[in-house]
Amino acid sequence: MDAVLGVSNVCVSSVGDLSDVILAKKGDKVAFERLVRKHSVSLYRIARGILKCESDIEDATQETIIKAYKKLVSLKSDLYFKTWLIKILVNECNYILRVNKKTVDLVEKEQASPDNQYENLELFSVVQSLDPNLRIVTLLFYYEDLPQKDIAEVLQLPVGTVSSRLSRSREKLRALITEK
C-alpha cells in the first residue's frame, strides 16, 4: 500500500505512522506516544553513535522527544516525521557535546546499556571507532536506512559531502576489519 501512495519506507514506514503523525499534530498524545515508541530504538542508536556517556544519550533522547512534542505543529511535511525527529536529535546531541566541552569532568563514568544488542557486535564497535563525522553518516545510512539526501538535510551538509564521507567511511571500515 505504501508503494501505491508513493511513500518511502524511510520517512514514514506505514500508513499508520502517517495517520499517527496527523493525529499527534492535532493533539492526540497516544498517537505521539506510538510514534515515539516506534522510533525509540533508532533514536537511541543514533544518539549512541554520537555520544558516549549513557546519561548524555538518555538526556538527548528525552530532550528530543520533549522538543518534538512541543514543536510538532511546525512539522511541514507529515511524511518526513522520522527525518525531522532525527534532525532534532542530532542538534540536541551536538548541543550536549558543546556543553560537555565547556565543562571539565574529573571522572567520566560510562555505563553500558544492558539491552543494547548492538554493543556486542564487532562491526558496531568498529563503526564506533570511526571519526564522529564519518560515524554519524554511517549510522544514519546503514543502520537507519536514510537516503543520502535526507542525511544531508539532517546534518545540514551538501549531498556530495555525505557521499564522500560514506565513501571514506567504507574505506576505513574495510581497513579496520581486515586489520583484525
N, C-alpha and C. Protein backbone atom coordinates (compact mmCIF):
# COMPACT_ATOMS: atom_id res chain seq x y z
N MET A 1 0.82 -1.19 0.00
CA MET A 1 0.00 0.00 0.00
C MET A 1 0.87 1.26 0.00
N ASP A 2 2.01 1.19 0.70
CA ASP A 2 2.91 2.34 0.74
C ASP A 2 3.39 2.71 -0.66
N ALA A 3 3.67 1.69 -1.48
CA ALA A 3 4.15 1.96 -2.83
C ALA A 3 3.07 2.66 -3.65
N VAL A 4 1.81 2.28 -3.43
CA VAL A 4 0.70 2.92 -4.13
C VAL A 4 0.62 4.39 -3.77
N LEU A 5 0.87 4.68 -2.49
CA LEU A 5 0.82 6.06 -2.03
C LEU A 5 2.07 6.84 -2.40
N GLY A 6 3.11 6.14 -2.84
CA GLY A 6 4.36 6.80 -3.18
C GLY A 6 5.12 7.23 -1.94
N VAL A 7 4.89 6.54 -0.83
CA VAL A 7 5.51 6.89 0.44
C VAL A 7 6.74 6.02 0.62
N SER A 8 7.86 6.63 0.84
CA SER A 8 9.11 5.90 1.07
C SER A 8 9.08 5.28 2.46
N ASN A 9 9.63 4.07 2.60
CA ASN A 9 9.68 3.45 3.91
C ASN A 9 10.71 4.12 4.81
N VAL A 10 11.47 5.05 4.29
CA VAL A 10 12.47 5.75 5.08
C VAL A 10 11.82 6.82 5.94
N CYS A 11 10.92 7.56 5.39
CA CYS A 11 10.32 8.67 6.10
C CYS A 11 9.15 8.22 6.96
N VAL A 12 8.19 7.60 6.36
CA VAL A 12 7.03 7.09 7.07
C VAL A 12 6.92 5.63 6.69
N SER A 13 7.07 4.73 7.66
CA SER A 13 7.15 3.32 7.33
C SER A 13 5.79 2.68 7.09
N SER A 14 4.72 3.35 7.43
CA SER A 14 3.40 2.77 7.16
C SER A 14 2.36 3.88 7.12
N VAL A 15 1.21 3.50 6.59
CA VAL A 15 0.10 4.45 6.56
C VAL A 15 -0.30 4.77 7.99
N GLY A 16 -0.15 3.79 8.90
CA GLY A 16 -0.46 4.00 10.32
C GLY A 16 0.41 5.10 10.92
N ASP A 17 1.69 5.12 10.53
CA ASP A 17 2.58 6.18 11.01
C ASP A 17 2.09 7.54 10.54
N LEU A 18 1.71 7.61 9.29
CA LEU A 18 1.23 8.88 8.74
C LEU A 18 -0.02 9.34 9.48
N SER A 19 -0.93 8.43 9.73
CA SER A 19 -2.14 8.83 10.46
C SER A 19 -1.81 9.20 11.90
N ASP A 20 -0.82 8.51 12.50
CA ASP A 20 -0.40 8.88 13.86
C ASP A 20 0.21 10.29 13.88
N VAL A 21 0.98 10.62 12.86
CA VAL A 21 1.56 11.97 12.78
C VAL A 21 0.44 13.00 12.68
N ILE A 22 -0.52 12.74 11.84
CA ILE A 22 -1.64 13.67 11.67
C ILE A 22 -2.41 13.81 12.98
N LEU A 23 -2.70 12.68 13.63
CA LEU A 23 -3.42 12.72 14.91
C LEU A 23 -2.60 13.44 15.98
N ALA A 24 -1.32 13.15 16.04
CA ALA A 24 -0.45 13.78 17.04
C ALA A 24 -0.40 15.29 16.84
N LYS A 25 -0.36 15.73 15.59
CA LYS A 25 -0.35 17.17 15.31
C LYS A 25 -1.64 17.84 15.79
N LYS A 26 -2.71 17.05 15.86
CA LYS A 26 -3.99 17.58 16.34
C LYS A 26 -4.12 17.47 17.85
N GLY A 27 -3.06 16.98 18.52
CA GLY A 27 -3.05 16.92 19.98
C GLY A 27 -3.27 15.55 20.58
N ASP A 28 -3.33 14.50 19.78
CA ASP A 28 -3.53 13.15 20.28
C ASP A 28 -2.23 12.64 20.91
N LYS A 29 -2.19 12.59 22.25
CA LYS A 29 -0.98 12.19 22.96
C LYS A 29 -0.67 10.70 22.77
N VAL A 30 -1.70 9.88 22.64
CA VAL A 30 -1.49 8.45 22.44
C VAL A 30 -0.82 8.19 21.09
N ALA A 31 -1.25 8.91 20.07
CA ALA A 31 -0.64 8.77 18.74
C ALA A 31 0.83 9.19 18.79
N PHE A 32 1.12 10.28 19.49
CA PHE A 32 2.52 10.73 19.62
C PHE A 32 3.33 9.67 20.36
N GLU A 33 2.76 9.10 21.40
CA GLU A 33 3.45 8.06 22.16
C GLU A 33 3.77 6.84 21.28
N ARG A 34 2.83 6.46 20.42
CA ARG A 34 3.08 5.34 19.49
C ARG A 34 4.25 5.67 18.56
N LEU A 35 4.29 6.89 18.06
CA LEU A 35 5.39 7.30 17.19
C LEU A 35 6.72 7.25 17.92
N VAL A 36 6.74 7.74 19.16
CA VAL A 36 7.98 7.75 19.94
C VAL A 36 8.44 6.32 20.20
N ARG A 37 7.51 5.46 20.57
CA ARG A 37 7.87 4.06 20.83
C ARG A 37 8.42 3.40 19.56
N LYS A 38 7.80 3.68 18.44
CA LYS A 38 8.23 3.08 17.17
C LYS A 38 9.66 3.51 16.81
N HIS A 39 10.02 4.75 17.10
CA HIS A 39 11.32 5.28 16.69
C HIS A 39 12.35 5.32 17.83
N SER A 40 12.00 4.80 19.00
CA SER A 40 12.90 4.90 20.15
C SER A 40 14.22 4.17 19.94
N VAL A 41 14.20 3.01 19.30
CA VAL A 41 15.45 2.27 19.06
C VAL A 41 16.35 3.05 18.11
N SER A 42 15.76 3.63 17.07
CA SER A 42 16.54 4.43 16.13
C SER A 42 17.15 5.63 16.83
N LEU A 43 16.35 6.31 17.67
CA LEU A 43 16.86 7.47 18.40
C LEU A 43 18.03 7.07 19.29
N TYR A 44 17.88 5.95 19.99
CA TYR A 44 18.95 5.50 20.87
C TYR A 44 20.22 5.19 20.07
N ARG A 45 20.07 4.45 18.98
CA ARG A 45 21.24 4.07 18.16
C ARG A 45 21.98 5.30 17.65
N ILE A 46 21.23 6.28 17.17
CA ILE A 46 21.87 7.48 16.63
C ILE A 46 22.56 8.26 17.74
N ALA A 47 21.87 8.44 18.86
CA ALA A 47 22.49 9.15 19.99
C ALA A 47 23.73 8.41 20.48
N ARG A 48 23.66 7.09 20.51
CA ARG A 48 24.80 6.27 20.95
C ARG A 48 25.97 6.42 19.98
N GLY A 49 25.65 6.65 18.72
CA GLY A 49 26.71 6.84 17.73
C GLY A 49 27.41 8.18 17.86
N ILE A 50 26.73 9.15 18.46
CA ILE A 50 27.31 10.49 18.59
C ILE A 50 27.89 10.69 19.99
N LEU A 51 27.17 10.26 20.99
CA LEU A 51 27.57 10.46 22.39
C LEU A 51 28.08 9.16 22.98
N LYS A 52 28.88 9.25 24.00
CA LYS A 52 29.44 8.04 24.62
C LYS A 52 28.83 7.75 25.98
N CYS A 53 28.52 8.77 26.72
CA CYS A 53 28.03 8.62 28.09
C CYS A 53 26.53 8.28 28.07
N GLU A 54 26.17 7.23 28.78
CA GLU A 54 24.79 6.76 28.80
C GLU A 54 23.82 7.84 29.28
N SER A 55 24.21 8.61 30.27
CA SER A 55 23.31 9.66 30.77
C SER A 55 23.12 10.76 29.73
N ASP A 56 24.15 11.07 28.94
CA ASP A 56 24.02 12.05 27.86
C ASP A 56 23.09 11.53 26.77
N ILE A 57 23.20 10.24 26.49
CA ILE A 57 22.34 9.62 25.47
C ILE A 57 20.88 9.72 25.91
N GLU A 58 20.63 9.40 27.17
CA GLU A 58 19.26 9.47 27.70
C GLU A 58 18.75 10.91 27.69
N ASP A 59 19.61 11.85 28.09
CA ASP A 59 19.22 13.27 28.09
C ASP A 59 18.88 13.74 26.68
N ALA A 60 19.72 13.39 25.73
CA ALA A 60 19.49 13.82 24.34
C ALA A 60 18.18 13.25 23.81
N THR A 61 17.94 11.99 24.10
CA THR A 61 16.71 11.34 23.64
C THR A 61 15.49 11.97 24.28
N GLN A 62 15.54 12.19 25.57
CA GLN A 62 14.40 12.79 26.27
C GLN A 62 14.13 14.22 25.80
N GLU A 63 15.18 14.99 25.64
CA GLU A 63 15.02 16.37 25.16
C GLU A 63 14.46 16.39 23.74
N THR A 64 14.89 15.44 22.93
CA THR A 64 14.38 15.34 21.56
C THR A 64 12.88 15.09 21.57
N ILE A 65 12.44 14.17 22.42
CA ILE A 65 11.02 13.85 22.50
C ILE A 65 10.22 15.05 22.98
N ILE A 66 10.73 15.74 23.97
CA ILE A 66 10.04 16.93 24.50
C ILE A 66 9.95 18.01 23.44
N LYS A 67 11.07 18.29 22.78
CA LYS A 67 11.08 19.32 21.74
C LYS A 67 10.18 18.95 20.57
N ALA A 68 10.20 17.67 20.19
CA ALA A 68 9.35 17.22 19.09
C ALA A 68 7.88 17.40 19.45
N TYR A 69 7.52 17.08 20.67
CA TYR A 69 6.13 17.22 21.09
C TYR A 69 5.70 18.68 21.07
N LYS A 70 6.56 19.55 21.59
CA LYS A 70 6.23 20.98 21.64
C LYS A 70 6.18 21.62 20.26
N LYS A 71 7.00 21.14 19.35
CA LYS A 71 7.12 21.76 18.03
C LYS A 71 6.45 20.96 16.92
N LEU A 72 5.68 19.95 17.27
CA LEU A 72 5.08 19.07 16.27
C LEU A 72 4.24 19.83 15.24
N VAL A 73 3.58 20.87 15.67
CA VAL A 73 2.75 21.64 14.73
C VAL A 73 3.60 22.33 13.66
N SER A 74 4.90 22.50 13.93
CA SER A 74 5.77 23.16 12.95
C SER A 74 6.32 22.19 11.90
N LEU A 75 6.03 20.88 12.04
CA LEU A 75 6.45 19.91 11.04
C LEU A 75 5.74 20.21 9.73
N LYS A 76 6.53 20.52 8.70
CA LYS A 76 5.96 20.96 7.42
C LYS A 76 5.37 19.82 6.63
N SER A 77 6.05 18.69 6.57
CA SER A 77 5.56 17.56 5.80
C SER A 77 5.44 16.35 6.72
N ASP A 78 4.22 15.87 6.88
CA ASP A 78 3.97 14.74 7.77
C ASP A 78 4.75 13.50 7.34
N LEU A 79 5.05 13.40 6.05
CA LEU A 79 5.79 12.25 5.53
C LEU A 79 7.21 12.16 6.07
N TYR A 80 7.75 13.29 6.50
CA TYR A 80 9.14 13.34 6.94
C TYR A 80 9.29 13.41 8.44
N PHE A 81 8.36 12.81 9.17
CA PHE A 81 8.42 12.84 10.63
C PHE A 81 9.73 12.27 11.17
N LYS A 82 10.12 11.08 10.68
CA LYS A 82 11.34 10.44 11.19
C LYS A 82 12.57 11.29 10.90
N THR A 83 12.67 11.83 9.70
CA THR A 83 13.80 12.68 9.34
C THR A 83 13.84 13.91 10.24
N TRP A 84 12.68 14.50 10.46
CA TRP A 84 12.55 15.69 11.32
C TRP A 84 12.97 15.35 12.76
N LEU A 85 12.53 14.20 13.25
CA LEU A 85 12.86 13.76 14.60
C LEU A 85 14.37 13.53 14.74
N ILE A 86 14.98 12.92 13.73
CA ILE A 86 16.43 12.67 13.76
C ILE A 86 17.20 13.98 13.74
N LYS A 87 16.71 14.94 12.97
CA LYS A 87 17.37 16.24 12.91
C LYS A 87 17.37 16.90 14.29
N ILE A 88 16.25 16.82 15.00
CA ILE A 88 16.17 17.37 16.36
C ILE A 88 17.17 16.65 17.25
N LEU A 89 17.24 15.32 17.12
CA LEU A 89 18.16 14.54 17.95
C LEU A 89 19.62 14.90 17.67
N VAL A 90 19.98 15.01 16.43
CA VAL A 90 21.37 15.35 16.08
C VAL A 90 21.72 16.73 16.64
N ASN A 91 20.81 17.67 16.50
CA ASN A 91 21.06 19.01 17.07
C ASN A 91 21.21 18.95 18.58
N GLU A 92 20.39 18.15 19.23
CA GLU A 92 20.47 18.01 20.69
C GLU A 92 21.78 17.35 21.10
N CYS A 93 22.21 16.33 20.38
CA CYS A 93 23.49 15.68 20.67
C CYS A 93 24.65 16.65 20.49
N ASN A 94 24.60 17.45 19.43
CA ASN A 94 25.65 18.44 19.20
C ASN A 94 25.67 19.48 20.32
N TYR A 95 24.51 19.85 20.80
CA TYR A 95 24.42 20.80 21.92
C TYR A 95 25.08 20.19 23.17
N ILE A 96 24.78 18.94 23.45
CA ILE A 96 25.37 18.27 24.61
C ILE A 96 26.88 18.16 24.47
N LEU A 97 27.36 17.88 23.26
CA LEU A 97 28.80 17.83 23.03
C LEU A 97 29.45 19.18 23.30
N ARG A 98 28.79 20.25 22.84
CA ARG A 98 29.34 21.60 23.08
C ARG A 98 29.37 21.92 24.57
N VAL A 99 28.32 21.60 25.29
CA VAL A 99 28.27 21.85 26.73
C VAL A 99 29.33 21.03 27.44
N ASN A 100 29.48 19.78 27.04
CA ASN A 100 30.48 18.92 27.68
C ASN A 100 31.91 19.39 27.43
N LYS A 101 32.14 20.02 26.29
CA LYS A 101 33.48 20.55 26.02
C LYS A 101 33.81 21.71 26.95
N LYS A 102 32.78 22.41 27.39
CA LYS A 102 32.98 23.56 28.26
C LYS A 102 33.19 23.15 29.71
N THR A 103 32.74 21.98 30.07
CA THR A 103 32.89 21.52 31.45
C THR A 103 34.03 20.51 31.52
N VAL A 104 34.72 20.51 32.63
CA VAL A 104 35.82 19.58 32.83
C VAL A 104 35.32 18.48 33.76
N ASP A 105 35.28 17.28 33.23
CA ASP A 105 34.88 16.13 34.05
C ASP A 105 36.13 15.51 34.64
N LEU A 106 36.20 15.46 35.97
CA LEU A 106 37.34 14.84 36.60
C LEU A 106 37.27 13.32 36.46
N VAL A 107 36.08 12.80 36.59
CA VAL A 107 35.89 11.36 36.43
C VAL A 107 34.69 11.16 35.52
N GLU A 108 34.92 10.48 34.41
CA GLU A 108 33.81 10.22 33.49
C GLU A 108 33.41 8.77 33.64
N LYS A 109 32.18 8.59 34.05
CA LYS A 109 31.66 7.24 34.20
C LYS A 109 30.78 6.93 33.01
N GLU A 110 31.13 5.88 32.32
CA GLU A 110 30.34 5.47 31.18
C GLU A 110 29.76 4.09 31.47
N GLN A 111 28.44 4.02 31.42
CA GLN A 111 27.77 2.76 31.70
C GLN A 111 27.29 2.16 30.40
N ALA A 112 27.45 0.88 30.29
CA ALA A 112 26.94 0.19 29.10
C ALA A 112 25.50 -0.21 29.35
N SER A 113 24.68 -0.02 28.36
CA SER A 113 23.27 -0.38 28.47
C SER A 113 23.13 -1.89 28.33
N PRO A 114 22.45 -2.54 29.29
CA PRO A 114 22.33 -3.99 29.23
C PRO A 114 21.49 -4.48 28.05
N ASP A 115 20.59 -3.65 27.55
CA ASP A 115 19.73 -4.10 26.46
C ASP A 115 20.18 -3.57 25.11
N ASN A 116 21.41 -3.08 25.02
CA ASN A 116 21.90 -2.58 23.73
C ASN A 116 22.52 -3.75 22.97
N GLN A 117 21.75 -4.37 22.10
CA GLN A 117 22.20 -5.55 21.38
C GLN A 117 23.33 -5.24 20.41
N TYR A 118 23.48 -4.00 19.99
CA TYR A 118 24.49 -3.65 19.00
C TYR A 118 25.87 -3.48 19.62
N GLU A 119 25.92 -3.26 20.93
CA GLU A 119 27.19 -3.04 21.60
C GLU A 119 28.08 -4.28 21.49
N ASN A 120 27.47 -5.46 21.45
CA ASN A 120 28.23 -6.71 21.41
C ASN A 120 28.67 -7.09 20.01
N LEU A 121 28.15 -6.45 19.02
CA LEU A 121 28.52 -6.78 17.66
C LEU A 121 29.86 -6.14 17.32
N GLU A 122 30.72 -6.94 16.76
CA GLU A 122 32.05 -6.46 16.40
C GLU A 122 32.00 -5.31 15.41
N LEU A 123 31.13 -5.42 14.42
CA LEU A 123 31.02 -4.38 13.41
C LEU A 123 30.60 -3.05 14.03
N PHE A 124 29.63 -3.10 14.95
CA PHE A 124 29.18 -1.86 15.58
C PHE A 124 30.33 -1.21 16.36
N SER A 125 31.14 -2.01 17.01
CA SER A 125 32.27 -1.43 17.76
C SER A 125 33.30 -0.84 16.81
N VAL A 126 33.46 -1.43 15.63
CA VAL A 126 34.38 -0.86 14.64
C VAL A 126 33.81 0.46 14.12
N VAL A 127 32.51 0.51 13.88
CA VAL A 127 31.86 1.75 13.44
C VAL A 127 32.04 2.83 14.52
N GLN A 128 31.92 2.43 15.78
CA GLN A 128 32.09 3.38 16.89
C GLN A 128 33.49 3.99 16.92
N SER A 129 34.47 3.29 16.36
CA SER A 129 35.84 3.79 16.39
C SER A 129 36.11 4.84 15.29
N LEU A 130 35.17 5.01 14.38
CA LEU A 130 35.34 5.99 13.31
C LEU A 130 35.31 7.42 13.84
N ASP A 131 35.88 8.32 13.07
CA ASP A 131 35.80 9.75 13.35
C ASP A 131 34.31 10.13 13.44
N PRO A 132 33.91 11.03 14.35
CA PRO A 132 32.49 11.37 14.53
C PRO A 132 31.78 11.78 13.23
N ASN A 133 32.45 12.52 12.35
CA ASN A 133 31.81 12.93 11.10
C ASN A 133 31.50 11.75 10.19
N LEU A 134 32.37 10.75 10.21
CA LEU A 134 32.14 9.55 9.41
C LEU A 134 31.15 8.62 10.09
N ARG A 135 31.23 8.55 11.40
CA ARG A 135 30.37 7.65 12.17
C ARG A 135 28.90 8.01 12.02
N ILE A 136 28.56 9.29 12.12
CA ILE A 136 27.15 9.68 12.08
C ILE A 136 26.53 9.39 10.71
N VAL A 137 27.25 9.68 9.62
CA VAL A 137 26.67 9.38 8.30
C VAL A 137 26.55 7.87 8.09
N THR A 138 27.50 7.10 8.63
CA THR A 138 27.44 5.65 8.52
C THR A 138 26.24 5.10 9.28
N LEU A 139 26.03 5.57 10.49
CA LEU A 139 24.89 5.12 11.28
C LEU A 139 23.57 5.47 10.61
N LEU A 140 23.46 6.69 10.13
CA LEU A 140 22.21 7.12 9.50
C LEU A 140 21.95 6.35 8.20
N PHE A 141 23.00 6.09 7.43
CA PHE A 141 22.83 5.43 6.14
C PHE A 141 22.60 3.92 6.30
N TYR A 142 23.46 3.24 7.07
CA TYR A 142 23.40 1.79 7.14
C TYR A 142 22.48 1.26 8.24
N TYR A 143 22.41 1.93 9.37
CA TYR A 143 21.59 1.43 10.46
C TYR A 143 20.16 1.97 10.41
N GLU A 144 20.01 3.19 9.91
CA GLU A 144 18.68 3.80 9.87
C GLU A 144 18.09 3.86 8.46
N ASP A 145 18.84 3.41 7.47
CA ASP A 145 18.38 3.35 6.07
C ASP A 145 17.90 4.69 5.53
N LEU A 146 18.51 5.77 5.98
CA LEU A 146 18.15 7.09 5.43
C LEU A 146 18.89 7.30 4.11
N PRO A 147 18.21 7.84 3.12
CA PRO A 147 18.92 8.15 1.87
C PRO A 147 19.89 9.32 2.08
N GLN A 148 20.87 9.42 1.20
CA GLN A 148 21.88 10.47 1.34
C GLN A 148 21.26 11.86 1.36
N LYS A 149 20.21 12.05 0.59
CA LYS A 149 19.54 13.35 0.54
C LYS A 149 18.99 13.74 1.93
N ASP A 150 18.37 12.78 2.61
CA ASP A 150 17.83 13.05 3.95
C ASP A 150 18.94 13.25 4.97
N ILE A 151 20.01 12.48 4.85
CA ILE A 151 21.16 12.66 5.75
C ILE A 151 21.72 14.07 5.58
N ALA A 152 21.84 14.50 4.33
CA ALA A 152 22.34 15.84 4.05
C ALA A 152 21.45 16.89 4.70
N GLU A 153 20.15 16.70 4.64
CA GLU A 153 19.22 17.64 5.25
C GLU A 153 19.35 17.65 6.77
N VAL A 154 19.41 16.45 7.37
CA VAL A 154 19.51 16.34 8.82
C VAL A 154 20.79 16.98 9.34
N LEU A 155 21.90 16.73 8.65
CA LEU A 155 23.20 17.23 9.11
C LEU A 155 23.55 18.60 8.53
N GLN A 156 22.67 19.11 7.68
CA GLN A 156 22.88 20.41 7.03
C GLN A 156 24.20 20.44 6.27
N LEU A 157 24.36 19.44 5.41
CA LEU A 157 25.55 19.29 4.58
C LEU A 157 25.12 19.12 3.13
N PRO A 158 26.01 19.43 2.19
CA PRO A 158 25.71 19.11 0.79
C PRO A 158 25.68 17.59 0.60
N VAL A 159 24.87 17.12 -0.33
CA VAL A 159 24.76 15.69 -0.61
C VAL A 159 26.12 15.12 -1.00
N GLY A 160 26.91 15.86 -1.74
CA GLY A 160 28.24 15.42 -2.14
C GLY A 160 29.15 15.15 -0.94
N THR A 161 29.02 15.95 0.09
CA THR A 161 29.82 15.76 1.31
C THR A 161 29.40 14.47 2.00
N VAL A 162 28.10 14.23 2.06
CA VAL A 162 27.60 12.99 2.66
C VAL A 162 28.13 11.80 1.87
N SER A 163 28.08 11.89 0.55
CA SER A 163 28.55 10.80 -0.30
C SER A 163 30.05 10.54 -0.09
N SER A 164 30.84 11.59 -0.03
CA SER A 164 32.28 11.40 0.15
C SER A 164 32.59 10.86 1.55
N ARG A 165 31.82 11.29 2.56
CA ARG A 165 32.04 10.75 3.91
C ARG A 165 31.69 9.27 3.97
N LEU A 166 30.62 8.89 3.30
CA LEU A 166 30.27 7.46 3.24
C LEU A 166 31.36 6.65 2.56
N SER A 167 31.91 7.20 1.49
CA SER A 167 32.98 6.52 0.77
C SER A 167 34.22 6.37 1.67
N ARG A 168 34.61 7.45 2.35
CA ARG A 168 35.76 7.38 3.26
C ARG A 168 35.48 6.41 4.40
N SER A 169 34.26 6.41 4.88
CA SER A 169 33.87 5.52 5.96
C SER A 169 34.00 4.07 5.54
N ARG A 170 33.53 3.73 4.34
CA ARG A 170 33.65 2.37 3.84
C ARG A 170 35.11 1.95 3.72
N GLU A 171 35.96 2.85 3.23
CA GLU A 171 37.38 2.55 3.11
C GLU A 171 38.00 2.27 4.47
N LYS A 172 37.69 3.13 5.44
CA LYS A 172 38.26 2.96 6.79
C LYS A 172 37.74 1.69 7.44
N LEU A 173 36.43 1.42 7.27
CA LEU A 173 35.87 0.20 7.85
C LEU A 173 36.51 -1.04 7.24
N ARG A 174 36.69 -1.02 5.93
CA ARG A 174 37.33 -2.14 5.24
C ARG A 174 38.73 -2.35 5.81
N ALA A 175 39.48 -1.27 5.98
CA ALA A 175 40.85 -1.38 6.50
C ALA A 175 40.84 -1.87 7.96
N LEU A 176 39.94 -1.37 8.77
CA LEU A 176 39.87 -1.77 10.17
C LEU A 176 39.46 -3.23 10.32
N ILE A 177 38.54 -3.68 9.49
CA ILE A 177 38.06 -5.05 9.58
C ILE A 177 39.13 -6.04 9.12
N THR A 178 39.80 -5.72 8.01
CA THR A 178 40.85 -6.64 7.53
C THR A 178 42.05 -6.62 8.46
N GLU A 179 42.23 -5.55 9.20
CA GLU A 179 43.32 -5.43 10.17
C GLU A 179 43.13 -6.41 11.33
N LYS A 180 41.86 -6.63 11.70
CA LYS A 180 41.57 -7.52 12.85
C LYS A 180 41.65 -8.90 12.42
